[in-house]
Amino acid sequence: MTAEQITAYVAEFVRRFEARTPATQIDEILPPTRVGRGEMQLWYEETYGVKMTLDDRLELDAPLRAAFRQLRRKYPLERWK
């Protein structure tokens, strides 16, 4: 997974999260589950034409945690706990 792909993945994740904030559906109430991993893996496959590997998911771990920290600061009133 390239740095460009990681950046695009995180940007798409944040875009989808913000589009669903505040939550309007019962399955979007808890922020950590607002954008599903399967949904994002499908986006990656459709965008890049290959399935994500375990190594790809491991590379995304730190950038996604950083994105969640920023989202938590931006939306402190969401149900983070």
N, C-alpha and C. Protein backbone atom coordinates (compact mmCIF):
# COMPACT_ATOMS: atom_id res chain seq x y z
N MET A 1 0.86 -1.17 0.00
CA MET A 1 0.00 0.00 0.00
C MET A 1 0.91 1.23 0.00
N THR A 2 0.64 2.13 -0.92
CA THR A 2 1.48 3.31 -1.03
C THR A 2 1.01 4.40 -0.06
N ALA A 3 1.87 5.38 0.14
CA ALA A 3 1.51 6.51 1.01
C ALA A 3 0.30 7.25 0.44
N GLU A 4 0.22 7.35 -0.88
CA GLU A 4 -0.92 8.01 -1.53
C GLU A 4 -2.22 7.24 -1.27
N GLN A 5 -2.15 5.92 -1.32
CA GLN A 5 -3.34 5.10 -1.05
C GLN A 5 -3.77 5.22 0.41
N ILE A 6 -2.81 5.27 1.31
CA ILE A 6 -3.12 5.43 2.73
C ILE A 6 -3.81 6.77 2.96
N THR A 7 -3.26 7.82 2.36
CA THR A 7 -3.85 9.15 2.50
C THR A 7 -5.28 9.18 1.95
N ALA A 8 -5.48 8.56 0.79
CA ALA A 8 -6.81 8.53 0.17
C ALA A 8 -7.79 7.73 1.03
N TYR A 9 -7.35 6.62 1.58
CA TYR A 9 -8.20 5.78 2.42
C TYR A 9 -8.64 6.55 3.66
N VAL A 10 -7.70 7.18 4.34
CA VAL A 10 -8.02 7.93 5.56
C VAL A 10 -8.93 9.11 5.22
N ALA A 11 -8.67 9.79 4.12
CA ALA A 11 -9.52 10.91 3.72
C ALA A 11 -10.95 10.45 3.44
N GLU A 12 -11.10 9.31 2.78
CA GLU A 12 -12.44 8.79 2.50
C GLU A 12 -13.13 8.36 3.79
N PHE A 13 -12.36 7.75 4.70
CA PHE A 13 -12.92 7.36 5.99
C PHE A 13 -13.44 8.59 6.73
N VAL A 14 -12.65 9.65 6.80
CA VAL A 14 -13.03 10.88 7.50
C VAL A 14 -14.24 11.51 6.81
N ARG A 15 -14.26 11.52 5.48
CA ARG A 15 -15.38 12.10 4.74
C ARG A 15 -16.68 11.37 5.08
N ARG A 16 -16.63 10.05 5.10
CA ARG A 16 -17.82 9.26 5.42
C ARG A 16 -18.24 9.48 6.87
N PHE A 17 -17.27 9.53 7.77
CA PHE A 17 -17.58 9.75 9.18
C PHE A 17 -18.28 11.09 9.37
N GLU A 18 -17.73 12.13 8.78
CA GLU A 18 -18.31 13.46 8.94
C GLU A 18 -19.68 13.56 8.28
N ALA A 19 -19.90 12.82 7.21
CA ALA A 19 -21.20 12.83 6.55
C ALA A 19 -22.27 12.17 7.44
N ARG A 20 -21.83 11.32 8.37
CA ARG A 20 -22.76 10.61 9.25
C ARG A 20 -22.79 11.19 10.66
N THR A 21 -22.23 12.36 10.83
CA THR A 21 -22.17 13.00 12.13
C THR A 21 -22.98 14.28 12.09
N PRO A 22 -23.92 14.46 13.00
CA PRO A 22 -24.30 13.55 14.07
C PRO A 22 -25.04 12.32 13.51
N ALA A 23 -25.02 11.27 14.30
CA ALA A 23 -25.63 10.02 13.89
C ALA A 23 -27.13 10.19 13.65
N THR A 24 -27.60 9.56 12.59
CA THR A 24 -29.04 9.60 12.28
C THR A 24 -29.66 8.22 12.26
N GLN A 25 -28.83 7.18 12.31
CA GLN A 25 -29.33 5.81 12.30
C GLN A 25 -28.78 5.07 13.50
N ILE A 26 -29.52 4.07 13.94
CA ILE A 26 -29.14 3.34 15.16
C ILE A 26 -27.77 2.68 15.02
N ASP A 27 -27.41 2.22 13.83
CA ASP A 27 -26.11 1.55 13.68
C ASP A 27 -24.95 2.53 13.53
N GLU A 28 -25.24 3.83 13.60
CA GLU A 28 -24.19 4.84 13.51
C GLU A 28 -23.99 5.58 14.83
N ILE A 29 -24.67 5.13 15.90
CA ILE A 29 -24.64 5.87 17.15
C ILE A 29 -23.24 5.92 17.76
N LEU A 30 -22.55 4.80 17.82
CA LEU A 30 -21.22 4.78 18.42
C LEU A 30 -20.16 5.15 17.38
N PRO A 31 -19.40 6.20 17.62
CA PRO A 31 -18.42 6.67 16.63
C PRO A 31 -17.45 5.60 16.11
N PRO A 32 -16.93 4.70 16.97
CA PRO A 32 -15.99 3.71 16.44
C PRO A 32 -16.61 2.76 15.40
N THR A 33 -17.94 2.67 15.37
CA THR A 33 -18.58 1.78 14.41
C THR A 33 -19.31 2.55 13.31
N ARG A 34 -19.14 3.83 13.26
CA ARG A 34 -19.89 4.67 12.31
C ARG A 34 -19.55 4.35 10.86
N VAL A 35 -18.31 4.08 10.57
CA VAL A 35 -17.88 3.68 9.23
C VAL A 35 -17.22 2.30 9.39
N GLY A 36 -17.84 1.31 8.80
CA GLY A 36 -17.37 -0.07 8.98
C GLY A 36 -16.13 -0.42 8.20
N ARG A 37 -15.37 -1.34 8.75
CA ARG A 37 -14.14 -1.79 8.09
C ARG A 37 -14.46 -2.47 6.76
N GLY A 38 -15.52 -3.29 6.74
CA GLY A 38 -15.91 -3.96 5.51
C GLY A 38 -16.29 -2.98 4.42
N GLU A 39 -16.99 -1.93 4.82
CA GLU A 39 -17.38 -0.87 3.87
C GLU A 39 -16.14 -0.22 3.26
N MET A 40 -15.14 0.05 4.09
CA MET A 40 -13.93 0.70 3.59
C MET A 40 -13.07 -0.28 2.78
N GLN A 41 -13.08 -1.55 3.14
CA GLN A 41 -12.34 -2.52 2.34
C GLN A 41 -12.96 -2.64 0.94
N LEU A 42 -14.28 -2.60 0.87
CA LEU A 42 -14.96 -2.63 -0.42
C LEU A 42 -14.60 -1.38 -1.23
N TRP A 43 -14.58 -0.21 -0.58
CA TRP A 43 -14.19 1.03 -1.27
C TRP A 43 -12.78 0.88 -1.84
N TYR A 44 -11.86 0.34 -1.05
CA TYR A 44 -10.48 0.16 -1.49
C TYR A 44 -10.42 -0.76 -2.70
N GLU A 45 -11.14 -1.87 -2.64
CA GLU A 45 -11.14 -2.83 -3.74
C GLU A 45 -11.71 -2.20 -5.02
N GLU A 46 -12.80 -1.45 -4.87
CA GLU A 46 -13.41 -0.81 -6.04
C GLU A 46 -12.51 0.31 -6.60
N THR A 47 -11.80 0.99 -5.72
CA THR A 47 -10.96 2.11 -6.14
C THR A 47 -9.66 1.63 -6.78
N TYR A 48 -9.01 0.62 -6.18
CA TYR A 48 -7.69 0.20 -6.63
C TYR A 48 -7.67 -1.14 -7.35
N GLY A 49 -8.80 -1.84 -7.39
CA GLY A 49 -8.88 -3.08 -8.14
C GLY A 49 -8.20 -4.28 -7.50
N VAL A 50 -7.82 -4.17 -6.24
CA VAL A 50 -7.22 -5.29 -5.52
C VAL A 50 -7.80 -5.35 -4.11
N LYS A 51 -7.83 -6.55 -3.56
CA LYS A 51 -8.32 -6.70 -2.19
C LYS A 51 -7.25 -6.27 -1.20
N MET A 52 -7.72 -5.78 -0.06
CA MET A 52 -6.78 -5.39 1.00
C MET A 52 -6.19 -6.65 1.63
N THR A 53 -4.94 -6.55 2.01
CA THR A 53 -4.28 -7.65 2.71
C THR A 53 -4.17 -7.30 4.19
N LEU A 54 -3.76 -8.26 4.97
CA LEU A 54 -3.52 -8.02 6.39
C LEU A 54 -2.45 -6.94 6.56
N ASP A 55 -1.42 -7.00 5.74
CA ASP A 55 -0.36 -5.98 5.81
C ASP A 55 -0.91 -4.59 5.53
N ASP A 56 -1.84 -4.49 4.56
CA ASP A 56 -2.47 -3.20 4.27
C ASP A 56 -3.21 -2.68 5.49
N ARG A 57 -3.97 -3.56 6.14
CA ARG A 57 -4.74 -3.13 7.32
C ARG A 57 -3.81 -2.72 8.45
N LEU A 58 -2.68 -3.40 8.58
CA LEU A 58 -1.71 -3.03 9.62
C LEU A 58 -1.08 -1.66 9.32
N GLU A 59 -0.83 -1.37 8.05
CA GLU A 59 -0.27 -0.07 7.68
C GLU A 59 -1.25 1.06 7.98
N LEU A 60 -2.54 0.76 7.94
CA LEU A 60 -3.56 1.79 8.18
C LEU A 60 -3.82 2.04 9.65
N ASP A 61 -3.33 1.18 10.51
CA ASP A 61 -3.64 1.27 11.94
C ASP A 61 -3.27 2.63 12.53
N ALA A 62 -2.04 3.05 12.39
CA ALA A 62 -1.59 4.32 12.98
C ALA A 62 -2.28 5.54 12.33
N PRO A 63 -2.37 5.61 11.00
CA PRO A 63 -3.06 6.77 10.41
C PRO A 63 -4.54 6.86 10.81
N LEU A 64 -5.21 5.72 10.94
CA LEU A 64 -6.61 5.75 11.36
C LEU A 64 -6.75 6.16 12.82
N ARG A 65 -5.84 5.70 13.67
CA ARG A 65 -5.88 6.13 15.07
C ARG A 65 -5.69 7.65 15.17
N ALA A 66 -4.79 8.18 14.37
CA ALA A 66 -4.58 9.63 14.36
C ALA A 66 -5.84 10.35 13.87
N ALA A 67 -6.50 9.80 12.86
CA ALA A 67 -7.74 10.41 12.36
C ALA A 67 -8.82 10.37 13.44
N PHE A 68 -8.91 9.27 14.17
CA PHE A 68 -9.89 9.18 15.25
C PHE A 68 -9.61 10.20 16.35
N ARG A 69 -8.35 10.42 16.67
CA ARG A 69 -8.01 11.44 17.68
C ARG A 69 -8.50 12.82 17.23
N GLN A 70 -8.28 13.13 15.97
CA GLN A 70 -8.73 14.42 15.44
C GLN A 70 -10.26 14.51 15.43
N LEU A 71 -10.91 13.43 15.04
CA LEU A 71 -12.37 13.42 15.02
C LEU A 71 -12.95 13.55 16.43
N ARG A 72 -12.28 12.93 17.38
CA ARG A 72 -12.75 13.01 18.77
C ARG A 72 -12.66 14.45 19.29
N ARG A 73 -11.59 15.14 18.92
CA ARG A 73 -11.46 16.56 19.31
C ARG A 73 -12.49 17.42 18.59
N LYS A 74 -12.75 17.12 17.34
CA LYS A 74 -13.68 17.91 16.54
C LYS A 74 -15.14 17.68 16.95
N TYR A 75 -15.46 16.45 17.38
CA TYR A 75 -16.83 16.09 17.75
C TYR A 75 -16.86 15.53 19.19
N PRO A 76 -16.58 16.35 20.18
CA PRO A 76 -16.46 15.84 21.56
C PRO A 76 -17.79 15.37 22.15
N LEU A 77 -18.91 15.81 21.61
CA LEU A 77 -20.20 15.45 22.19
C LEU A 77 -20.77 14.13 21.66
N GLU A 78 -20.04 13.48 20.76
CA GLU A 78 -20.48 12.17 20.27
C GLU A 78 -20.26 11.13 21.37
N ARG A 79 -20.86 9.98 21.22
CA ARG A 79 -20.79 8.92 22.24
C ARG A 79 -19.52 8.10 22.10
N TRP A 80 -18.38 8.66 22.48
CA TRP A 80 -17.09 8.00 22.29
C TRP A 80 -16.85 6.88 23.27
N LYS A 81 -17.56 6.86 24.38
CA LYS A 81 -17.30 5.79 25.35
C LYS A 81 -18.41 4.80 25.38
